């Protein structure tokens, strides 16, 4: 289903929500849906078992879908009149659902609950999940996309000091140049740096240069990726591949078999890899070298800024047993669920005390991840606009010619901003 299709379908299903909370001869049945790979699904299944043990007579039907299939799966359930009682939703998806009244307001439940207070969570996450004064989901984790993983073996071999959290973009470039290797024929055999899987995460460079995606993240009225700051940030990122050749270009990635960028880090083809903390369980399987992490570099004017995400759980409006659904939300997004997720290295807890504890700061690789505790205050959530996935995809499509070296960032971003403003923000 295309993006336009699922936005329209959301508008339809929101008019007549019916939840999957049913009653059987064995008791109450709550239905919950989330996403994730094998590790995350296993954690959630274990959490559900514990919840059932603490709530005799309650059955939980938990469904999981791969992240890239999640929206389609949810819409299928809604369209079939089988909407779940509890639903996972991340920061990027949230507004598309919340703007159509899919979720219950959690504030009345929390106001009556002496065991859990909103003030215990990172305020940035609570603020993002608050729409028109209603808390539509309780954050389970928070994810500043501020992690540069590095291969310590490659640094040691090149005699290059490990990066420190106060490094700059110039430091990143200089370090990547020292870690890029060529064979006798001049072919690059090792790149110094690579961006996140599936995209170069261009918005991180926009933020680091002092730019933005929109004029106001909470109430956007205009796309501003055509600003001089945004253009300069994307230009630097593009130059890493097309000018300095310290990062694989699209052609390089194709010649290497179109492997995921995280795979290139794991097999030693790149020395540094930028992403989020969620890749920790995958990287802990590395046997061939030691690795660690450092905070994303400061921009050229000393600014520290980068994208940020989160995941949480909400009660679907229309649940026949919302009080019990809240108990499940509290279990999955409260202390119990957050501890289970963080203990694997997969997530940074949204509860501040847990993020500062040895549950998260566990002494395992990446041992230097403590910078993430305070990195939250420099993070930027995606704008609160239900159409952001669609118009951001348009910008990324325009940037494809930049990554291939066929077009300048200035030309691509000015064209993209004009198209987005004409279609989505025209008054």
Protein backbone atom coordinates (compact mmCIF):
# COMPACT_ATOMS: atom_id res chain seq x y z
CA UNK A 1 0.00 0.00 0.00
CA UNK A 2 1.40 3.41 -0.91
CA UNK A 3 1.82 6.20 1.61
CA UNK A 4 -1.21 8.09 0.33
CA UNK A 5 -3.23 4.93 0.61
CA UNK A 6 -2.46 4.27 4.22
CA UNK A 7 -3.06 7.91 5.24
CA UNK A 8 -6.50 7.71 3.66
CA UNK A 9 -7.22 4.35 5.26
CA UNK A 10 -6.28 5.74 8.66
CA UNK A 11 -8.82 8.49 8.20
CA UNK A 12 -11.48 5.87 7.48
CA UNK A 13 -10.71 3.40 10.26
CA UNK A 14 -10.49 6.17 12.85
CA UNK A 15 -14.18 6.87 12.33
CA UNK A 16 -15.26 3.48 13.59
CA UNK A 17 -12.67 1.83 15.78
CA UNK A 18 -13.50 -1.50 17.35
CA UNK A 19 -10.89 -3.19 19.45
CA UNK A 20 -9.86 -6.78 19.70
CA UNK A 21 -10.45 -7.04 23.43
CA UNK A 22 -12.76 -10.01 23.82
CA UNK A 23 -13.99 -12.34 26.50
CA UNK A 24 -13.63 -16.09 26.45
CA UNK A 25 -14.50 -18.86 28.82
CA UNK A 26 -10.97 -18.51 30.15
CA UNK A 27 -11.32 -14.80 30.95
CA UNK A 28 -10.39 -11.52 29.29
CA UNK A 29 -8.33 -11.43 26.11
CA UNK A 30 -6.26 -8.35 25.31
CA UNK A 31 -4.72 -7.90 21.88
CA UNK A 32 -1.41 -6.11 21.44
CA UNK A 33 0.71 -5.45 18.37
CA UNK A 34 4.30 -4.33 18.00
CA UNK A 35 7.24 -4.64 15.63
CA UNK A 36 10.80 -5.80 15.79
CA UNK A 37 13.18 -8.56 14.89
CA UNK A 38 13.63 -11.88 16.59
CA UNK A 39 15.37 -10.46 19.66
CA UNK A 40 12.76 -7.81 20.34
CA UNK A 41 9.87 -10.20 19.70
CA UNK A 42 11.37 -12.67 22.19
CA UNK A 43 11.70 -9.95 24.84
CA UNK A 44 8.11 -8.85 24.37
CA UNK A 45 6.80 -12.42 24.44
CA UNK A 46 8.62 -12.95 27.75
CA UNK A 47 7.17 -9.71 29.10
CA UNK A 48 3.68 -10.80 28.09
CA UNK A 49 4.14 -14.10 29.95
CA UNK A 50 5.11 -12.21 33.09
CA UNK A 51 2.12 -9.90 32.73
CA UNK A 52 -0.24 -12.86 32.42
CA UNK A 53 1.24 -14.42 35.53
CA UNK A 54 0.55 -11.21 37.44
CA UNK A 55 -3.01 -10.99 36.05
CA UNK A 56 -4.70 -14.38 36.43
CA UNK A 57 -7.51 -14.96 33.97
CA UNK A 58 -6.13 -12.52 31.40
CA UNK A 59 -4.92 -13.80 28.05
CA UNK A 60 -2.70 -11.72 25.80
CA UNK A 61 -2.69 -12.14 22.06
CA UNK A 62 0.54 -10.55 20.94
CA UNK A 63 1.25 -9.98 17.27
CA UNK A 64 4.56 -8.83 15.85
CA UNK A 65 5.48 -7.63 12.38
CA UNK A 66 8.75 -6.52 10.79
CA UNK A 67 9.10 -2.76 11.07
CA UNK A 68 8.83 -2.13 7.33
CA UNK A 69 5.57 -4.11 7.24
CA UNK A 70 4.12 -2.73 10.47
CA UNK A 71 1.84 -0.02 9.07
CA UNK A 72 0.33 -2.43 6.56
CA UNK A 73 -0.25 -5.03 9.28
CA UNK A 74 -1.94 -2.53 11.59
CA UNK A 75 -4.20 -1.21 8.86
CA UNK A 76 -5.21 -4.73 7.90
CA UNK A 77 -6.34 -5.37 11.48
CA UNK A 78 -8.22 -2.06 11.67
CA UNK A 79 -9.95 -2.64 8.34
CA UNK A 80 -11.03 -6.11 9.44
CA UNK A 81 -12.59 -4.76 12.64
CA UNK A 82 -9.84 -6.38 14.71
CA UNK A 83 -8.03 -3.32 16.04
CA UNK A 84 -5.73 -4.17 18.96
CA UNK A 85 -6.25 -2.88 22.47
CA UNK A 86 -2.63 -1.83 22.84
CA UNK A 87 -0.40 -0.71 20.02
CA UNK A 88 3.28 0.13 19.75
CA UNK A 89 4.02 3.34 17.90
CA UNK A 90 7.29 5.12 17.23
CA UNK A 91 7.96 8.83 17.09
CA UNK A 92 7.80 8.94 13.30
CA UNK A 93 4.48 7.09 12.96
CA UNK A 94 2.78 8.66 15.94
CA UNK A 95 1.32 11.81 14.43
CA UNK A 96 -0.26 10.03 11.47
CA UNK A 97 -2.30 7.95 13.94
CA UNK A 98 -2.81 10.52 16.70
CA UNK A 99 -4.14 13.20 14.35
CA UNK A 100 -6.99 10.85 13.48
CA UNK A 101 -8.01 10.10 17.06
CA UNK A 102 -6.74 6.54 17.19
CA UNK A 103 -5.48 6.69 20.80
CA UNK A 104 -6.95 7.20 24.24
CA UNK A 105 -5.52 10.02 26.35
CA UNK A 106 -3.25 8.41 28.95
CA UNK A 107 -3.15 11.41 31.28
CA UNK A 108 -6.33 10.48 33.22
CA UNK A 109 -4.89 7.01 33.87
CA UNK A 110 -1.55 8.36 35.04
CA UNK A 111 -3.25 10.96 37.25
CA UNK A 112 -4.91 8.09 39.15
CA UNK A 113 -1.77 5.95 39.27
CA UNK A 114 0.48 6.59 42.30
CA UNK A 115 3.04 4.09 41.01
CA UNK A 116 4.11 5.96 37.87
CA UNK A 117 4.66 9.67 37.26
CA UNK A 118 5.11 11.53 33.99
CA UNK A 119 7.97 13.47 35.60
CA UNK A 120 10.03 10.25 35.75
CA UNK A 121 10.35 10.15 31.96
CA UNK A 122 12.56 12.24 29.72
CA UNK A 123 10.40 15.37 29.23
CA UNK A 124 11.39 15.49 25.56
CA UNK A 125 9.68 12.13 24.95
CA UNK A 126 6.56 13.09 26.90
CA UNK A 127 6.35 16.38 25.03
CA UNK A 128 6.59 14.66 21.64
CA UNK A 129 3.88 12.14 22.47
CA UNK A 130 1.56 14.90 23.72
CA UNK A 131 -0.77 16.01 20.93
CA UNK A 132 -3.40 18.70 21.50
CA UNK A 133 -2.92 18.31 25.24
CA UNK A 134 -3.39 14.53 25.19
CA UNK A 135 -0.68 11.97 25.96
CA UNK A 136 -1.28 9.45 23.19
CA UNK A 137 1.45 6.96 24.12
CA UNK A 138 3.77 6.19 27.01
CA UNK A 139 7.40 6.17 25.81
CA UNK A 140 9.23 2.90 26.29
CA UNK A 141 12.59 4.22 25.10
CA UNK A 142 14.27 7.24 23.62
CA UNK A 143 16.88 7.17 20.89
CA UNK A 144 19.18 10.10 20.13
CA UNK A 145 20.64 9.13 16.75
CA UNK A 146 24.03 10.25 17.96
CA UNK A 147 26.21 7.14 17.93
CA UNK A 148 29.37 6.80 15.86
CA UNK A 149 30.59 3.23 16.30
CA UNK A 150 34.29 2.72 15.66
CA UNK A 151 36.56 -0.25 15.06
CA UNK A 152 39.35 0.02 17.63
CA UNK A 153 41.53 -2.42 15.71
CA UNK A 154 41.53 -0.17 12.61
CA UNK A 155 42.45 2.84 14.73
CA UNK A 156 45.29 0.95 16.41
CA UNK A 157 46.65 -0.31 13.08
CA UNK A 158 46.69 3.24 11.67
CA UNK A 159 48.11 4.74 14.86
CA UNK A 160 45.11 7.06 15.13
CA UNK A 161 43.82 8.10 18.58
CA UNK A 162 40.27 7.05 19.40
CA UNK A 163 37.74 9.88 18.88
CA UNK A 164 36.44 11.80 21.87
CA UNK A 165 32.95 13.18 22.47
CA UNK A 166 34.06 16.79 21.92
CA UNK A 167 35.29 16.16 18.38
CA UNK A 168 34.15 18.23 15.40
CA UNK A 169 33.16 17.61 11.78
CA UNK A 170 36.68 18.59 10.73
CA UNK A 171 37.98 15.94 13.12
CA UNK A 172 35.61 13.39 11.60
CA UNK A 173 36.92 14.15 8.10
CA UNK A 174 40.58 14.09 9.15
CA UNK A 175 40.11 10.83 11.03
CA UNK A 176 38.22 9.22 8.15
CA UNK A 177 40.99 10.23 5.74
CA UNK A 178 43.60 8.51 7.89
CA UNK A 179 41.49 5.35 8.05
CA UNK A 180 40.72 5.11 4.32
CA UNK A 181 43.00 2.63 2.52
CA UNK A 182 43.74 1.88 -1.13
CA UNK A 183 45.42 -1.05 -2.85
CA UNK A 184 48.31 -0.78 -5.32
CA UNK A 185 45.88 -0.08 -8.15
CA UNK A 186 44.31 2.82 -6.29
CA UNK A 187 41.09 1.01 -5.44
CA UNK A 188 39.69 1.77 -2.01
CA UNK A 189 39.76 -1.34 0.16
CA UNK A 190 38.72 0.30 3.43
CA UNK A 191 36.56 3.38 3.96
CA UNK A 192 36.93 5.61 6.97
CA UNK A 193 33.25 6.31 7.55
CA UNK A 194 29.74 5.35 6.50
CA UNK A 195 26.28 6.63 7.36
CA UNK A 196 23.30 4.71 8.67
CA UNK A 197 21.67 1.79 6.89
CA UNK A 198 19.21 2.60 4.09
CA UNK A 199 20.04 6.32 3.90
CA UNK A 200 22.92 8.69 4.67
CA UNK A 201 20.85 10.22 7.52
CA UNK A 202 21.23 13.58 5.85
CA UNK A 203 19.07 15.38 8.41
CA UNK A 204 21.81 14.90 11.05
CA UNK A 205 24.08 17.15 8.99
CA UNK A 206 21.30 19.66 8.45
CA UNK A 207 20.84 19.97 12.22
CA UNK A 208 24.59 20.07 12.94
CA UNK A 209 24.99 23.04 10.60
CA UNK A 210 22.15 24.89 12.34
CA UNK A 211 19.47 24.09 9.77
CA UNK A 212 16.06 22.49 10.19
CA UNK A 213 13.45 20.55 8.24
CA UNK A 214 10.59 22.96 9.01
CA UNK A 215 10.06 26.37 10.53
CA UNK A 216 8.46 24.98 13.71
CA UNK A 217 8.77 21.34 14.75
CA UNK A 218 5.58 21.34 16.85
CA UNK A 219 3.45 23.39 14.44
CA UNK A 220 5.14 23.32 11.03
CA UNK A 221 3.94 25.70 8.35
CA UNK A 222 6.85 25.58 5.91
CA UNK A 223 9.68 23.29 4.81
CA UNK A 224 13.05 25.05 5.16
CA UNK A 225 15.58 22.53 3.84
CA UNK A 226 16.54 25.14 1.26
CA UNK A 227 18.23 27.30 3.92
CA UNK A 228 21.97 28.04 3.56
CA UNK A 229 22.65 26.03 6.73
CA UNK A 230 20.80 22.94 5.48
CA UNK A 231 22.49 23.14 2.09
CA UNK A 232 25.96 23.48 3.68
CA UNK A 233 25.38 20.47 5.93
CA UNK A 234 24.24 18.23 3.09
CA UNK A 235 27.15 19.50 0.97
CA UNK A 236 29.63 18.35 3.63
CA UNK A 237 27.99 14.94 3.81
CA UNK A 238 28.00 14.54 0.03
CA UNK A 239 31.64 15.62 -0.11
CA UNK A 240 32.63 12.77 2.18
CA UNK A 241 31.76 10.42 -0.70
CA UNK A 242 32.15 12.41 -3.89
CA UNK A 243 35.06 14.73 -3.05
CA UNK A 244 37.09 13.15 -0.27
CA UNK A 245 36.18 9.51 -0.99
CA UNK A 246 36.25 8.53 2.68
CA UNK A 247 32.65 7.28 2.57
CA UNK A 248 31.23 4.81 0.01
CA UNK A 249 29.26 6.40 -2.81
CA UNK A 250 26.13 4.75 -4.18
CA UNK A 251 28.29 3.24 -6.94
CA UNK A 252 30.74 1.91 -4.33
CA UNK A 253 27.93 0.31 -2.35
CA UNK A 254 26.58 -1.34 -5.49
CA UNK A 255 30.01 -2.72 -6.39
CA UNK A 256 30.30 -4.16 -2.88
CA UNK A 257 27.13 -6.16 -3.36
CA UNK A 258 24.68 -3.63 -1.89
CA UNK A 259 25.38 -4.86 1.62
CA UNK A 260 23.87 -3.02 4.55
CA UNK A 261 26.18 -0.34 5.92
CA UNK A 262 26.13 -2.02 9.32
CA UNK A 263 27.40 -5.19 7.63
CA UNK A 264 30.28 -3.19 6.16
CA UNK A 265 31.22 -2.15 9.68
CA UNK A 266 30.93 -5.68 11.01
CA UNK A 267 33.15 -7.16 8.30
CA UNK A 268 35.80 -4.44 8.66
CA UNK A 269 35.23 -2.69 5.33
CA UNK A 270 34.57 0.63 7.11
CA UNK A 271 36.20 1.90 10.29
CA UNK A 272 33.38 4.13 11.58
CA UNK A 273 29.61 3.80 11.30
CA UNK A 274 26.94 6.31 12.29
CA UNK A 275 23.54 5.18 13.60
CA UNK A 276 21.60 4.68 16.84
CA UNK A 277 22.14 2.53 19.92
CA UNK A 278 19.71 -0.14 18.69
CA UNK A 279 22.46 -1.89 16.71
CA UNK A 280 24.29 -2.83 19.92
CA UNK A 281 22.96 -6.42 20.13
CA UNK A 282 23.99 -7.02 16.51
CA UNK A 283 27.46 -5.57 17.03
CA UNK A 284 28.01 -7.55 20.22
CA UNK A 285 28.21 -10.60 18.00
CA UNK A 286 31.45 -9.26 16.45
CA UNK A 287 34.35 -11.59 17.26
CA UNK A 288 37.15 -10.21 15.07
CA UNK A 289 37.77 -6.83 16.71
CA UNK A 290 37.01 -4.62 19.68
CA UNK A 291 34.77 -1.62 19.13
CA UNK A 292 33.28 1.29 21.00
CA UNK A 293 31.17 4.39 20.36
CA UNK A 294 31.55 8.15 20.46
CA UNK A 295 29.03 10.99 20.25
CA UNK A 296 28.15 12.45 16.85
CA UNK A 297 30.53 15.37 16.12
CA UNK A 298 29.73 19.00 16.73
CA UNK A 299 28.93 21.14 13.73
CA UNK A 300 31.26 23.82 12.34
CA UNK A 301 29.89 26.47 14.72
CA UNK A 302 30.14 24.28 17.83
CA UNK A 303 26.50 23.20 17.63
CA UNK A 304 25.59 19.73 18.84
CA UNK A 305 22.40 18.48 17.19
CA UNK A 306 21.06 15.32 15.56
CA UNK A 307 17.80 13.45 14.89
CA UNK A 308 16.05 11.56 17.66
CA UNK A 309 13.43 8.83 17.81
CA UNK A 310 11.46 6.96 20.45
CA UNK A 311 9.00 4.11 20.79
CA UNK A 312 6.00 3.79 23.04
CA UNK A 313 2.64 2.13 23.63
CA UNK A 314 -0.84 3.55 23.48
CA UNK A 315 -4.39 2.37 24.17
CA UNK A 316 -6.46 2.14 21.03
CA UNK A 317 -9.70 4.09 21.39
CA UNK A 318 -12.63 1.71 21.48
CA UNK A 319 -10.98 -0.91 23.66
CA UNK A 320 -13.63 -2.72 25.67
CA UNK A 321 -11.31 -2.90 28.67
CA UNK A 322 -9.22 0.28 28.69
CA UNK A 323 -8.26 0.04 32.37
CA UNK A 324 -6.67 -3.35 31.80
CA UNK A 325 -5.13 -2.11 28.55
CA UNK A 326 -3.52 0.68 30.57
CA UNK A 327 -2.03 -1.89 32.92
CA UNK A 328 -0.42 -3.58 29.91
CA UNK A 329 0.87 -0.25 28.57
CA UNK A 330 2.31 0.52 31.98
CA UNK A 331 3.92 -2.90 32.14
CA UNK A 332 5.55 -2.66 28.70
CA UNK A 333 6.57 1.01 28.89
CA UNK A 334 7.15 1.22 32.63
CA UNK A 335 10.06 0.01 34.70
CA UNK A 336 9.55 -3.69 34.00
CA UNK A 337 9.39 -3.43 30.22
CA UNK A 338 12.14 -0.82 29.98
CA UNK A 339 14.51 -2.96 32.04
CA UNK A 340 13.88 -5.96 29.82
CA UNK A 341 14.58 -4.00 26.65
CA UNK A 342 17.60 -2.10 27.98
CA UNK A 343 19.26 -5.22 29.42
CA UNK A 344 19.93 -6.46 25.89
CA UNK A 345 21.61 -3.21 24.86
CA UNK A 346 18.84 -2.62 22.33
CA UNK A 347 17.30 0.53 23.82
CA UNK A 348 17.94 3.56 25.99
CA UNK A 349 15.22 3.75 28.66
CA UNK A 350 12.78 6.64 28.55
CA UNK A 351 12.73 6.58 32.35
CA UNK A 352 15.58 8.90 33.32
CA UNK A 353 16.65 6.97 36.41
CA UNK A 354 16.97 3.74 34.43
CA UNK A 355 18.99 5.47 31.71
CA UNK A 356 21.42 6.63 34.39
CA UNK A 357 21.64 3.20 36.04
CA UNK A 358 23.73 0.12 35.33
CA UNK A 359 20.74 -1.39 33.55
CA UNK A 360 21.71 0.81 30.61
CA UNK A 361 25.29 1.72 31.55
CA UNK A 362 26.16 -1.96 31.87
CA UNK A 363 29.90 -1.88 31.19
CA UNK A 364 29.50 -3.93 28.02
CA UNK A 365 30.31 -2.66 24.53
CA UNK A 366 29.88 0.13 23.71
CA UNK A 367 31.49 0.98 27.04
CA UNK A 368 31.55 4.71 26.29
CA UNK A 369 27.82 5.12 25.61
CA UNK A 370 27.26 7.25 28.71
CA UNK A 371 27.11 10.33 26.48
CA UNK A 372 23.61 9.23 25.42
CA UNK A 373 22.18 10.02 28.85
CA UNK A 374 22.56 13.76 28.20
CA UNK A 375 22.42 13.61 24.39
CA UNK A 376 18.62 13.67 24.53
CA UNK A 377 18.59 17.44 25.04
CA UNK A 378 20.31 17.93 21.67
CA UNK A 379 17.97 15.65 19.72
CA UNK A 380 15.33 16.66 17.18
CA UNK A 381 12.19 14.59 16.73
CA UNK A 382 10.56 14.62 13.34
CA UNK A 383 8.06 17.47 12.95
CA UNK A 384 4.56 16.90 14.30
CA UNK A 385 2.91 16.69 10.92
CA UNK A 386 0.88 13.63 9.81
CA UNK A 387 2.29 13.93 6.30
CA UNK A 388 5.97 14.04 7.28
CA UNK A 389 6.79 10.52 6.03
CA UNK A 390 5.47 11.41 2.60
CA UNK A 391 7.15 14.77 2.17
CA UNK A 392 10.40 13.63 3.73
CA UNK A 393 10.47 10.76 1.22
CA UNK A 394 10.14 13.34 -1.55
CA UNK A 395 13.19 15.20 -0.23
CA UNK A 396 15.17 11.97 -0.05
CA UNK A 397 14.23 11.07 -3.61
CA UNK A 398 15.49 14.48 -4.72
CA UNK A 399 18.75 13.90 -2.86
CA UNK A 400 19.47 10.63 -4.70
CA UNK A 401 21.09 12.69 -7.48
CA UNK A 402 23.27 14.39 -4.88
CA UNK A 403 24.63 11.12 -3.50
CA UNK A 404 25.44 10.00 -7.05
CA UNK A 405 27.28 13.26 -7.74
CA UNK A 406 24.89 14.30 -10.53
CA UNK A 407 23.44 17.35 -8.80
CA UNK A 408 24.43 19.90 -6.18
CA UNK A 409 22.72 19.92 -2.76
CA UNK A 410 21.65 23.52 -3.39
CA UNK A 411 19.74 22.65 -6.55
CA UNK A 412 18.21 19.47 -5.11
CA UNK A 413 17.13 20.99 -1.80
CA UNK A 414 15.69 24.16 -3.33
CA UNK A 415 13.63 22.08 -5.75
CA UNK A 416 12.52 19.70 -2.98
CA UNK A 417 11.53 22.51 -0.60
CA UNK A 418 9.48 24.21 -3.32
CA UNK A 419 7.66 20.96 -4.12
CA UNK A 420 6.96 20.16 -0.46
CA UNK A 421 5.72 23.64 0.31
CA UNK A 422 3.50 23.70 -2.75
CA UNK A 423 1.88 20.33 -2.03
CA UNK A 424 1.79 20.16 1.78
CA UNK A 425 2.07 23.67 3.23
CA UNK A 426 0.34 25.87 0.68
CA UNK A 427 -2.15 28.14 2.43
